[in-house]
PDB file of all heavy atoms in Angstrom:
ATOM      1  N   VAL A   1      -6.726   6.417  45.357  1.00  0.00           N
ATOM      2  CA  VAL A   1      -6.119   7.699  45.806  1.00  0.00           C
ATOM      3  C   VAL A   1      -5.888   8.576  44.571  1.00  0.00           C
ATOM      4  O   VAL A   1      -5.617   8.100  43.547  1.00  0.00           O
ATOM      5  CB  VAL A   1      -4.907   7.580  46.755  1.00  0.00           C
ATOM      6  CG1 VAL A   1      -5.183   6.673  47.945  1.00  0.00           C
ATOM      7  CG2 VAL A   1      -3.766   6.966  45.911  1.00  0.00           C
ATOM      8  N   VAL A   2      -5.751   9.876  44.800  1.00  0.00           N
ATOM      9  CA  VAL A   2      -5.575  10.786  43.762  1.00  0.00           C
ATOM     10  C   VAL A   2      -4.103  10.620  43.147  1.00  0.00           C
ATOM     11  O   VAL A   2      -3.196  10.232  43.937  1.00  0.00           O
ATOM     12  CB  VAL A   2      -5.734  12.311  44.217  1.00  0.00           C
ATOM     13  CG1 VAL A   2      -7.137  12.607  44.604  1.00  0.00           C
ATOM     14  CG2 VAL A   2      -4.737  12.635  45.278  1.00  0.00           C
ATOM     15  N   PRO A   3      -3.924  10.726  41.885  1.00  0.00           N
ATOM     16  CA  PRO A   3      -2.623  10.500  41.352  1.00  0.00           C
ATOM     17  C   PRO A   3      -1.677  11.634  41.549  1.00  0.00           C
ATOM     18  O   PRO A   3      -2.107  12.711  41.968  1.00  0.00           O
ATOM     19  CB  PRO A   3      -2.885  10.351  39.808  1.00  0.00           C
ATOM     20  CG  PRO A   3      -4.226  11.084  39.606  1.00  0.00           C
ATOM     21  CD  PRO A   3      -4.965  10.964  40.873  1.00  0.00           C
ATOM     22  N   GLU A   4      -0.310  11.322  41.438  1.00  0.00           N
ATOM     23  CA  GLU A   4       0.687  12.326  41.399  1.00  0.00           C
ATOM     24  C   GLU A   4       0.747  13.111  42.766  1.00  0.00           C
ATOM     25  O   GLU A   4       0.974  14.324  42.886  1.00  0.00           O
ATOM     26  CB  GLU A   4       0.568  13.369  40.318  1.00  0.00           C
ATOM     27  CG  GLU A   4       0.627  12.677  38.928  1.00  0.00           C
ATOM     28  CD  GLU A   4       0.536  13.712  37.823  1.00  0.00           C
ATOM     29  OE1 GLU A   4       0.701  14.853  38.037  1.00  0.00           O
ATOM     30  OE2 GLU A   4       0.396  13.215  36.647  1.00  0.00           O
ATOM     31  N   SER A   5       0.362  12.333  43.911  1.00  0.00           N
ATOM     32  CA  SER A   5       0.509  12.913  45.260  1.00  0.00           C
ATOM     33  C   SER A   5       1.158  11.915  46.184  1.00  0.00           C
ATOM     34  O   SER A   5       0.703  10.872  46.422  1.00  0.00           O
ATOM     35  CB  SER A   5      -0.869  13.210  45.786  1.00  0.00           C
ATOM     36  OG  SER A   5      -0.861  13.502  47.165  1.00  0.00           O
ATOM     37  N   VAL A   6       2.356  12.362  46.704  1.00  0.00           N
ATOM     38  CA  VAL A   6       3.120  11.485  47.582  1.00  0.00           C
ATOM     39  C   VAL A   6       2.342  11.244  48.894  1.00  0.00           C
ATOM     40  O   VAL A   6       2.145  10.129  49.364  1.00  0.00           O
ATOM     41  CB  VAL A   6       4.481  12.080  47.873  1.00  0.00           C
ATOM     42  CG1 VAL A   6       5.227  11.185  48.856  1.00  0.00           C
ATOM     43  CG2 VAL A   6       5.280  12.212  46.641  1.00  0.00           C
ATOM     44  N   ASP A   7       1.710  12.325  49.384  1.00  0.00           N
ATOM     45  CA  ASP A   7       0.882  12.297  50.575  1.00  0.00           C
ATOM     46  C   ASP A   7      -0.220  11.285  50.455  1.00  0.00           C
ATOM     47  O   ASP A   7      -0.437  10.375  51.302  1.00  0.00           O
ATOM     48  CB  ASP A   7       0.341  13.649  50.972  1.00  0.00           C
ATOM     49  CG  ASP A   7       1.381  14.621  51.426  1.00  0.00           C
ATOM     50  OD1 ASP A   7       2.447  14.133  51.817  1.00  0.00           O
ATOM     51  OD2 ASP A   7       1.160  15.806  51.373  1.00  0.00           O
ATOM     52  N   ALA A   8      -1.012  11.403  49.274  1.00  0.00           N
ATOM     53  CA  ALA A   8      -2.126  10.471  49.198  1.00  0.00           C
ATOM     54  C   ALA A   8      -1.762   9.096  48.958  1.00  0.00           C
ATOM     55  O   ALA A   8      -2.293   8.129  49.546  1.00  0.00           O
ATOM     56  CB  ALA A   8      -2.862  10.952  47.921  1.00  0.00           C
ATOM     57  N   LEU A   9      -0.619   8.853  48.232  1.00  0.00           N
ATOM     58  CA  LEU A   9      -0.161   7.423  47.943  1.00  0.00           C
ATOM     59  C   LEU A   9       0.390   6.815  49.296  1.00  0.00           C
ATOM     60  O   LEU A   9       0.030   5.690  49.652  1.00  0.00           O
ATOM     61  CB  LEU A   9       1.005   7.454  46.985  1.00  0.00           C
ATOM     62  CG  LEU A   9       1.553   6.084  46.549  1.00  0.00           C
ATOM     63  CD1 LEU A   9       0.412   5.134  46.033  1.00  0.00           C
ATOM     64  CD2 LEU A   9       2.583   6.228  45.460  1.00  0.00           C
ATOM     65  N   GLU A  10       1.047   7.561  50.068  1.00  0.00           N
ATOM     66  CA  GLU A  10       1.505   7.097  51.356  1.00  0.00           C
ATOM     67  C   GLU A  10       0.380   6.747  52.289  1.00  0.00           C
ATOM     68  O   GLU A  10       0.307   5.686  52.973  1.00  0.00           O
ATOM     69  CB  GLU A  10       2.454   8.028  52.099  1.00  0.00           C
ATOM     70  CG  GLU A  10       2.927   7.591  53.367  1.00  0.00           C
ATOM     71  CD  GLU A  10       3.893   8.626  54.030  1.00  0.00           C
ATOM     72  OE1 GLU A  10       3.736   9.864  53.858  1.00  0.00           O
ATOM     73  OE2 GLU A  10       4.831   8.212  54.787  1.00  0.00           O
ATOM     74  N   ALA A  11      -0.559   7.674  52.357  1.00  0.00           N
ATOM     75  CA  ALA A  11      -1.724   7.423  53.239  1.00  0.00           C
ATOM     76  C   ALA A  11      -2.511   6.218  52.778  1.00  0.00           C
ATOM     77  O   ALA A  11      -3.013   5.411  53.607  1.00  0.00           O
ATOM     78  CB  ALA A  11      -2.676   8.624  53.226  1.00  0.00           C
ATOM     79  N   GLY A  12      -2.655   6.033  51.450  1.00  0.00           N
ATOM     80  CA  GLY A  12      -3.358   4.833  51.010  1.00  0.00           C
ATOM     81  C   GLY A  12      -2.751   3.546  51.289  1.00  0.00           C
ATOM     82  O   GLY A  12      -3.312   2.596  51.752  1.00  0.00           O
ATOM     83  N   ILE A  13      -1.358   3.469  51.140  1.00  0.00           N
ATOM     84  CA  ILE A  13      -0.588   2.275  51.420  1.00  0.00           C
ATOM     85  C   ILE A  13      -0.709   1.996  52.972  1.00  0.00           C
ATOM     86  O   ILE A  13      -0.933   0.812  53.375  1.00  0.00           O
ATOM     87  CB  ILE A  13       0.891   2.502  51.071  1.00  0.00           C
ATOM     88  CG1 ILE A  13       0.980   2.560  49.506  1.00  0.00           C
ATOM     89  CG2 ILE A  13       1.830   1.449  51.612  1.00  0.00           C
ATOM     90  CD1 ILE A  13       2.413   2.928  48.969  1.00  0.00           C
ATOM     91  N   LEU A  14      -0.607   2.977  53.765  1.00  0.00           N
ATOM     92  CA  LEU A  14      -0.662   2.763  55.213  1.00  0.00           C
ATOM     93  C   LEU A  14      -2.049   2.274  55.660  1.00  0.00           C
ATOM     94  O   LEU A  14      -2.144   1.473  56.587  1.00  0.00           O
ATOM     95  CB  LEU A  14      -0.251   4.048  55.938  1.00  0.00           C
ATOM     96  CG  LEU A  14       1.228   4.489  55.857  1.00  0.00           C
ATOM     97  CD1 LEU A  14       1.461   5.841  56.637  1.00  0.00           C
ATOM     98  CD2 LEU A  14       2.108   3.403  56.351  1.00  0.00           C
ATOM     99  N   GLU A  15      -3.042   2.822  55.077  1.00  0.00           N
ATOM    100  CA  GLU A  15      -4.479   2.349  55.353  1.00  0.00           C
ATOM    101  C   GLU A  15      -4.643   0.868  55.010  1.00  0.00           C
ATOM    102  O   GLU A  15      -5.221   0.158  55.827  1.00  0.00           O
ATOM    103  CB  GLU A  15      -5.413   3.301  54.655  1.00  0.00           C
ATOM    104  CG  GLU A  15      -6.861   2.897  55.004  1.00  0.00           C
ATOM    105  CD  GLU A  15      -7.868   3.973  54.476  1.00  0.00           C
ATOM    106  OE1 GLU A  15      -7.432   5.033  54.148  1.00  0.00           O
ATOM    107  OE2 GLU A  15      -9.110   3.637  54.452  1.00  0.00           O
ATOM    108  N   VAL A  16      -4.126   0.501  53.842  1.00  0.00           N
ATOM    109  CA  VAL A  16      -4.285  -0.926  53.433  1.00  0.00           C
ATOM    110  C   VAL A  16      -3.476  -1.788  54.416  1.00  0.00           C
ATOM    111  O   VAL A  16      -3.890  -2.913  54.870  1.00  0.00           O
ATOM    112  CB  VAL A  16      -3.825  -1.088  52.017  1.00  0.00           C
ATOM    113  CG1 VAL A  16      -3.822  -2.595  51.615  1.00  0.00           C
ATOM    114  CG2 VAL A  16      -4.776  -0.388  51.050  1.00  0.00           C
ATOM    115  N   LEU A  17      -2.224  -1.388  54.802  1.00  0.00           N
ATOM    116  CA  LEU A  17      -1.438  -2.135  55.694  1.00  0.00           C
ATOM    117  C   LEU A  17      -2.078  -2.263  57.085  1.00  0.00           C
ATOM    118  O   LEU A  17      -1.817  -3.310  57.724  1.00  0.00           O
ATOM    119  CB  LEU A  17      -0.034  -1.452  55.894  1.00  0.00           C
ATOM    120  CG  LEU A  17       0.926  -1.629  54.617  1.00  0.00           C
ATOM    121  CD1 LEU A  17       2.151  -0.882  54.825  1.00  0.00           C
ATOM    122  CD2 LEU A  17       1.274  -3.102  54.452  1.00  0.00           C
ATOM    123  N   ASP A  18      -2.884  -1.359  57.464  1.00  0.00           N
ATOM    124  CA  ASP A  18      -3.565  -1.516  58.742  1.00  0.00           C
ATOM    125  C   ASP A  18      -4.662  -2.602  58.660  1.00  0.00           C
ATOM    126  O   ASP A  18      -5.160  -3.038  59.778  1.00  0.00           O
ATOM    127  CB  ASP A  18      -4.269  -0.169  59.144  1.00  0.00           C
ATOM    128  CG  ASP A  18      -3.235   0.825  59.576  1.00  0.00           C
ATOM    129  OD1 ASP A  18      -2.148   0.425  59.972  1.00  0.00           O
ATOM    130  OD2 ASP A  18      -3.505   2.035  59.585  1.00  0.00           O
ATOM    131  N   ALA A  19      -5.076  -2.986  57.462  1.00  0.00           N
ATOM    132  CA  ALA A  19      -6.087  -4.094  57.395  1.00  0.00           C
ATOM    133  C   ALA A  19      -5.350  -5.424  57.442  1.00  0.00           C
ATOM    134  O   ALA A  19      -4.127  -5.536  57.639  1.00  0.00           O
ATOM    135  CB  ALA A  19      -6.781  -3.930  56.083  1.00  0.00           C
ATOM    136  N   ASP A  20      -6.126  -6.496  57.324  1.00  0.00           N
ATOM    137  CA  ASP A  20      -5.644  -7.872  57.327  1.00  0.00           C
ATOM    138  C   ASP A  20      -5.184  -8.255  55.944  1.00  0.00           C
ATOM    139  O   ASP A  20      -5.840  -8.914  55.267  1.00  0.00           O
ATOM    140  CB  ASP A  20      -6.664  -8.890  57.900  1.00  0.00           C
ATOM    141  CG  ASP A  20      -6.208 -10.233  57.861  1.00  0.00           C
ATOM    142  OD1 ASP A  20      -5.007 -10.517  57.793  1.00  0.00           O
ATOM    143  OD2 ASP A  20      -7.088 -11.189  58.039  1.00  0.00           O
ATOM    144  N   THR A  21      -3.956  -7.884  55.626  1.00  0.00           N
ATOM    145  CA  THR A  21      -3.419  -8.153  54.271  1.00  0.00           C
ATOM    146  C   THR A  21      -2.996  -9.605  54.098  1.00  0.00           C
ATOM    147  O   THR A  21      -2.671  -9.962  52.963  1.00  0.00           O
ATOM    148  CB  THR A  21      -2.224  -7.174  53.948  1.00  0.00           C
ATOM    149  OG1 THR A  21      -1.186  -7.454  54.950  1.00  0.00           O
ATOM    150  CG2 THR A  21      -2.657  -5.743  54.063  1.00  0.00           C
ATOM    151  N   ARG A  22      -2.892 -10.417  55.185  1.00  0.00           N
ATOM    152  CA  ARG A  22      -2.509 -11.756  54.978  1.00  0.00           C
ATOM    153  C   ARG A  22      -3.711 -12.662  54.552  1.00  0.00           C
ATOM    154  O   ARG A  22      -3.557 -13.830  54.225  1.00  0.00           O
ATOM    155  CB  ARG A  22      -1.942 -12.342  56.346  1.00  0.00           C
ATOM    156  CG  ARG A  22      -0.572 -11.571  56.715  1.00  0.00           C
ATOM    157  CD  ARG A  22       0.523 -11.844  55.682  1.00  0.00           C
ATOM    158  NE  ARG A  22       1.618 -10.991  55.756  1.00  0.00           N
ATOM    159  CZ  ARG A  22       2.692 -11.339  56.533  1.00  0.00           C
ATOM    160  NH1 ARG A  22       2.726 -12.425  57.263  1.00  0.00           N
ATOM    161  NH2 ARG A  22       3.778 -10.478  56.571  1.00  0.00           N
ATOM    162  N   SER A  23      -4.971 -12.100  54.665  1.00  0.00           N
ATOM    163  CA  SER A  23      -6.057 -12.803  54.155  1.00  0.00           C
ATOM    164  C   SER A  23      -6.512 -12.230  52.768  1.00  0.00           C
ATOM    165  O   SER A  23      -6.293 -11.078  52.550  1.00  0.00           O
ATOM    166  CB  SER A  23      -7.268 -12.701  55.093  1.00  0.00           C
ATOM    167  OG  SER A  23      -7.029 -13.222  56.338  1.00  0.00           O
ATOM    168  N   PRO A  24      -7.008 -13.070  51.897  1.00  0.00           N
ATOM    169  CA  PRO A  24      -7.329 -12.506  50.559  1.00  0.00           C
ATOM    170  C   PRO A  24      -8.406 -11.596  50.572  1.00  0.00           C
ATOM    171  O   PRO A  24      -9.338 -11.599  51.438  1.00  0.00           O
ATOM    172  CB  PRO A  24      -7.690 -13.817  49.783  1.00  0.00           C
ATOM    173  CG  PRO A  24      -8.140 -14.820  50.786  1.00  0.00           C
ATOM    174  CD  PRO A  24      -7.272 -14.495  52.002  1.00  0.00           C
ATOM    175  N   ASN A  25      -8.375 -10.674  49.643  1.00  0.00           N
ATOM    176  CA  ASN A  25      -9.508  -9.712  49.413  1.00  0.00           C
ATOM    177  C   ASN A  25     -10.593 -10.379  48.602  1.00  0.00           C
ATOM    178  O   ASN A  25     -10.493 -10.513  47.333  1.00  0.00           O
ATOM    179  CB  ASN A  25      -8.983  -8.465  48.637  1.00  0.00           C
ATOM    180  CG  ASN A  25     -10.043  -7.377  48.363  1.00  0.00           C
ATOM    181  OD1 ASN A  25     -11.201  -7.623  48.457  1.00  0.00           O
ATOM    182  ND2 ASN A  25      -9.546  -6.176  48.075  1.00  0.00           N
ATOM    183  N   LEU A  26     -11.664 -10.905  49.271  1.00  0.00           N
ATOM    184  CA  LEU A  26     -12.654 -11.630  48.599  1.00  0.00           C
ATOM    185  C   LEU A  26     -13.514 -10.885  47.611  1.00  0.00           C
ATOM    186  O   LEU A  26     -13.982 -11.453  46.637  1.00  0.00           O
ATOM    187  CB  LEU A  26     -13.589 -12.362  49.684  1.00  0.00           C
ATOM    188  CG  LEU A  26     -12.817 -13.255  50.579  1.00  0.00           C
ATOM    189  CD1 LEU A  26     -13.822 -13.785  51.636  1.00  0.00           C
ATOM    190  CD2 LEU A  26     -12.075 -14.385  49.817  1.00  0.00           C
ATOM    191  N   ILE A  27     -13.615  -9.528  47.857  1.00  0.00           N
ATOM    192  CA  ILE A  27     -14.409  -8.706  46.924  1.00  0.00           C
ATOM    193  C   ILE A  27     -13.629  -8.620  45.570  1.00  0.00           C
ATOM    194  O   ILE A  27     -14.278  -8.850  44.453  1.00  0.00           O
ATOM    195  CB  ILE A  27     -14.520  -7.267  47.449  1.00  0.00           C
ATOM    196  CG1 ILE A  27     -15.318  -7.355  48.725  1.00  0.00           C
ATOM    197  CG2 ILE A  27     -15.150  -6.380  46.438  1.00  0.00           C
ATOM    198  CD1 ILE A  27     -15.340  -5.981  49.436  1.00  0.00           C
ATOM    199  N   ALA A  28     -12.286  -8.508  45.615  1.00  0.00           N
ATOM    200  CA  ALA A  28     -11.464  -8.521  44.405  1.00  0.00           C
ATOM    201  C   ALA A  28     -11.480  -9.852  43.663  1.00  0.00           C
ATOM    202  O   ALA A  28     -11.750  -9.921  42.453  1.00  0.00           O
ATOM    203  CB  ALA A  28     -10.000  -8.234  44.725  1.00  0.00           C
ATOM    204  N   ARG A  29     -11.427 -10.950  44.473  1.00  0.00           N
ATOM    205  CA  ARG A  29     -11.429 -12.264  43.853  1.00  0.00           C
ATOM    206  C   ARG A  29     -12.844 -12.625  43.155  1.00  0.00           C
ATOM    207  O   ARG A  29     -12.913 -13.111  42.095  1.00  0.00           O
ATOM    208  CB  ARG A  29     -11.134 -13.293  44.961  1.00  0.00           C
ATOM    209  CG  ARG A  29     -11.316 -14.784  44.470  1.00  0.00           C
ATOM    210  CD  ARG A  29     -10.323 -15.103  43.431  1.00  0.00           C
ATOM    211  NE  ARG A  29     -10.540 -16.537  42.976  1.00  0.00           N
ATOM    212  CZ  ARG A  29      -9.771 -17.163  42.051  1.00  0.00           C
ATOM    213  NH1 ARG A  29      -8.847 -16.559  41.439  1.00  0.00           N
ATOM    214  NH2 ARG A  29     -10.089 -18.447  41.670  1.00  0.00           N
ATOM    215  N   GLN A  30     -13.885 -12.224  43.832  1.00  0.00           N
ATOM    216  CA  GLN A  30     -15.236 -12.502  43.274  1.00  0.00           C
ATOM    217  C   GLN A  30     -15.418 -11.683  41.982  1.00  0.00           C
ATOM    218  O   GLN A  30     -15.978 -12.168  40.977  1.00  0.00           O
ATOM    219  CB  GLN A  30     -16.294 -12.051  44.258  1.00  0.00           C
ATOM    220  CG  GLN A  30     -17.740 -12.398  43.874  1.00  0.00           C
ATOM    221  CD  GLN A  30     -18.731 -12.095  44.943  1.00  0.00           C
ATOM    222  OE1 GLN A  30     -18.595 -11.095  45.624  1.00  0.00           O
ATOM    223  NE2 GLN A  30     -19.723 -13.003  44.979  1.00  0.00           N
ATOM    224  N   TYR A  31     -14.899 -10.435  41.944  1.00  0.00           N
ATOM    225  CA  TYR A  31     -15.065  -9.628  40.682  1.00  0.00           C
ATOM    226  C   TYR A  31     -14.348 -10.230  39.544  1.00  0.00           C
ATOM    227  O   TYR A  31     -14.788 -10.425  38.492  1.00  0.00           O
ATOM    228  CB  TYR A  31     -14.415  -8.295  40.993  1.00  0.00           C
ATOM    229  CG  TYR A  31     -14.572  -7.334  39.767  1.00  0.00           C
ATOM    230  CD1 TYR A  31     -15.671  -6.506  39.520  1.00  0.00           C
ATOM    231  CD2 TYR A  31     -13.562  -7.282  38.780  1.00  0.00           C
ATOM    232  CE1 TYR A  31     -15.849  -5.741  38.420  1.00  0.00           C
ATOM    233  CE2 TYR A  31     -13.692  -6.423  37.692  1.00  0.00           C
ATOM    234  CZ  TYR A  31     -14.807  -5.689  37.503  1.00  0.00           C
ATOM    235  OH  TYR A  31     -14.943  -4.927  36.392  1.00  0.00           O
ATOM    236  N   ALA A  32     -13.041 -10.778  39.822  1.00  0.00           N
ATOM    237  CA  ALA A  32     -12.339 -11.420  38.770  1.00  0.00           C
ATOM    238  C   ALA A  32     -13.055 -12.687  38.288  1.00  0.00           C
ATOM    239  O   ALA A  32     -13.119 -12.912  37.106  1.00  0.00           O
ATOM    240  CB  ALA A  32     -10.900 -11.784  39.343  1.00  0.00           C
ATOM    241  N   GLU A  33     -13.633 -13.499  39.144  1.00  0.00           N
ATOM    242  CA  GLU A  33     -14.278 -14.747  38.739  1.00  0.00           C
ATOM    243  C   GLU A  33     -15.520 -14.403  37.914  1.00  0.00           C
ATOM    244  O   GLU A  33     -15.852 -15.077  36.962  1.00  0.00           O
ATOM    245  CB  GLU A  33     -14.756 -15.483  39.985  1.00  0.00           C
ATOM    246  CG  GLU A  33     -13.588 -16.174  40.764  1.00  0.00           C
ATOM    247  CD  GLU A  33     -14.001 -16.859  42.021  1.00  0.00           C
ATOM    248  OE1 GLU A  33     -15.018 -16.363  42.633  1.00  0.00           O
ATOM    249  OE2 GLU A  33     -13.337 -17.757  42.381  1.00  0.00           O
ATOM    250  N   GLN A  34     -16.295 -13.343  38.235  1.00  0.00           N
ATOM    251  CA  GLN A  34     -17.557 -13.030  37.642  1.00  0.00           C
ATOM    252  C   GLN A  34     -17.329 -12.219  36.243  1.00  0.00           C
ATOM    253  O   GLN A  34     -18.155 -12.396  35.348  1.00  0.00           O
ATOM    254  CB  GLN A  34     -18.347 -12.191  38.566  1.00  0.00           C
ATOM    255  CG  GLN A  34     -18.861 -12.945  39.758  1.00  0.00           C
ATOM    256  CD  GLN A  34     -19.700 -12.186  40.694  1.00  0.00           C
ATOM    257  OE1 GLN A  34     -19.847 -10.998  40.545  1.00  0.00           O
ATOM    258  NE2 GLN A  34     -20.363 -12.798  41.679  1.00  0.00           N
ATOM    259  N   HIS A  35     -16.273 -11.387  36.182  1.00  0.00           N
ATOM    260  CA  HIS A  35     -16.133 -10.505  35.053  1.00  0.00           C
ATOM    261  C   HIS A  35     -14.890 -10.670  34.200  1.00  0.00           C
ATOM    262  O   HIS A  35     -14.925 -10.198  33.095  1.00  0.00           O
ATOM    263  CB  HIS A  35     -16.163  -8.978  35.564  1.00  0.00           C
ATOM    264  CG  HIS A  35     -17.295  -8.656  36.353  1.00  0.00           C
ATOM    265  ND1 HIS A  35     -18.544  -8.316  35.662  1.00  0.00           N
ATOM    266  CD2 HIS A  35     -17.606  -8.538  37.665  1.00  0.00           C
ATOM    267  CE1 HIS A  35     -19.412  -8.024  36.561  1.00  0.00           C
ATOM    268  NE2 HIS A  35     -18.869  -8.146  37.803  1.00  0.00           N
ATOM    269  N   LEU A  36     -13.874 -11.321  34.739  1.00  0.00           N
ATOM    270  CA  LEU A  36     -12.615 -11.535  34.007  1.00  0.00           C
ATOM    271  C   LEU A  36     -12.095 -12.814  33.678  1.00  0.00           C
ATOM    272  O   LEU A  36     -10.998 -12.950  33.154  1.00  0.00           O
ATOM    273  CB  LEU A  36     -11.516 -10.712  34.875  1.00  0.00           C
ATOM    274  CG  LEU A  36     -11.839  -9.300  35.252  1.00  0.00           C
ATOM    275  CD1 LEU A  36     -10.787  -8.732  36.200  1.00  0.00           C
ATOM    276  CD2 LEU A  36     -12.107  -8.382  33.993  1.00  0.00           C
ATOM    277  N   GLU A  37     -12.876 -13.828  34.003  1.00  0.00           N
ATOM    278  CA  GLU A  37     -12.456 -15.267  33.789  1.00  0.00           C
ATOM    279  C   GLU A  37     -12.004 -15.420  32.359  1.00  0.00           C
ATOM    280  O   GLU A  37     -12.802 -15.230  31.429  1.00  0.00           O
ATOM    281  CB  GLU A  37     -13.429 -16.160  34.201  1.00  0.00           C
ATOM    282  CG  GLU A  37     -13.248 -17.672  33.755  1.00  0.00           C
ATOM    283  CD  GLU A  37     -11.895 -18.249  34.047  1.00  0.00           C
ATOM    284  OE1 GLU A  37     -11.371 -17.897  35.089  1.00  0.00           O
ATOM    285  OE2 GLU A  37     -11.412 -19.014  33.215  1.00  0.00           O
ATOM    286  N   LYS A  38     -10.882 -15.964  32.133  1.00  0.00           N
ATOM    287  CA  LYS A  38     -10.212 -16.091  30.777  1.00  0.00           C
ATOM    288  C   LYS A  38     -11.113 -16.886  29.828  1.00  0.00           C
ATOM    289  O   LYS A  38     -11.349 -16.416  28.716  1.00  0.00           O
ATOM    290  CB  LYS A  38      -8.893 -16.809  30.905  1.00  0.00           C
ATOM    291  CG  LYS A  38      -8.148 -17.003  29.593  1.00  0.00           C
ATOM    292  CD  LYS A  38      -6.764 -17.635  29.857  1.00  0.00           C
ATOM    293  CE  LYS A  38      -6.101 -17.887  28.514  1.00  0.00           C
ATOM    294  NZ  LYS A  38      -4.725 -18.571  28.775  1.00  0.00           N
ATOM    295  N   SER A  39     -11.589 -18.060  30.212  1.00  0.00           N
ATOM    296  CA  SER A  39     -12.340 -18.812  29.331  1.00  0.00           C
ATOM    297  C   SER A  39     -13.556 -18.178  28.822  1.00  0.00           C
ATOM    298  O   SER A  39     -13.977 -18.215  27.700  1.00  0.00           O
ATOM    299  CB  SER A  39     -12.644 -20.240  29.954  1.00  0.00           C
ATOM    300  OG  SER A  39     -13.436 -20.004  31.151  1.00  0.00           O
ATOM    301  N   ILE A  40     -14.277 -17.425  29.766  1.00  0.00           N
ATOM    302  CA  ILE A  40     -15.522 -16.808  29.362  1.00  0.00           C
ATOM    303  C   ILE A  40     -15.265 -15.623  28.409  1.00  0.00           C
ATOM    304  O   ILE A  40     -15.924 -15.480  27.460  1.00  0.00           O
ATOM    305  CB  ILE A  40     -16.232 -16.383  30.647  1.00  0.00           C
ATOM    306  CG1 ILE A  40     -16.589 -17.612  31.494  1.00  0.00           C
ATOM    307  CG2 ILE A  40     -17.531 -15.529  30.359  1.00  0.00           C
ATOM    308  CD1 ILE A  40     -17.201 -17.233  32.856  1.00  0.00           C
ATOM    309  N   VAL A  41     -14.336 -14.804  28.782  1.00  0.00           N
ATOM    310  CA  VAL A  41     -14.003 -13.538  28.007  1.00  0.00           C
ATOM    311  C   VAL A  41     -13.494 -14.005  26.580  1.00  0.00           C
ATOM    312  O   VAL A  41     -13.936 -13.395  25.586  1.00  0.00           O
ATOM    313  CB  VAL A  41     -13.026 -12.657  28.740  1.00  0.00           C
ATOM    314  CG1 VAL A  41     -12.744 -11.419  27.852  1.00  0.00           C
ATOM    315  CG2 VAL A  41     -13.572 -12.201  30.055  1.00  0.00           C
ATOM    316  N   LEU A  42     -12.656 -14.976  26.587  1.00  0.00           N
ATOM    317  CA  LEU A  42     -12.158 -15.320  25.306  1.00  0.00           C
ATOM    318  C   LEU A  42     -13.207 -16.020  24.381  1.00  0.00           C
ATOM    319  O   LEU A  42     -13.211 -15.777  23.145  1.00  0.00           O
ATOM    320  CB  LEU A  42     -10.905 -16.337  25.427  1.00  0.00           C
ATOM    321  CG  LEU A  42      -9.643 -15.698  25.770  1.00  0.00           C
ATOM    322  CD1 LEU A  42      -8.559 -16.745  26.019  1.00  0.00           C
ATOM    323  CD2 LEU A  42      -9.164 -14.754  24.595  1.00  0.00           C
ATOM    324  N   GLU A  43     -14.085 -16.757  24.989  1.00  0.00           N
ATOM    325  CA  GLU A  43     -15.143 -17.264  24.225  1.00  0.00           C
ATOM    326  C   GLU A  43     -16.064 -16.227  23.668  1.00  0.00           C
ATOM    327  O   GLU A  43     -16.519 -16.260  22.451  1.00  0.00           O
ATOM    328  CB  GLU A  43     -16.077 -18.268  25.111  1.00  0.00           C
ATOM    329  CG  GLU A  43     -17.201 -18.946  24.318  1.00  0.00           C
ATOM    330  CD  GLU A  43     -18.027 -19.882  25.180  1.00  0.00           C
ATOM    331  OE1 GLU A  43     -17.703 -19.998  26.417  1.00  0.00           O
ATOM    332  OE2 GLU A  43     -18.907 -20.529  24.675  1.00  0.00           O
TER     333      GLU A  43
END
């Protein structure tokens, strides 16, 4: 969402809350495994 906007931040939070937040975000997890894994980046 655009920065420095209370309206945008509130709308973004509510939109995410409408989703299934109790299940993991697999897109985020997969990105971390593929691009940010500590052992790979440090090597």
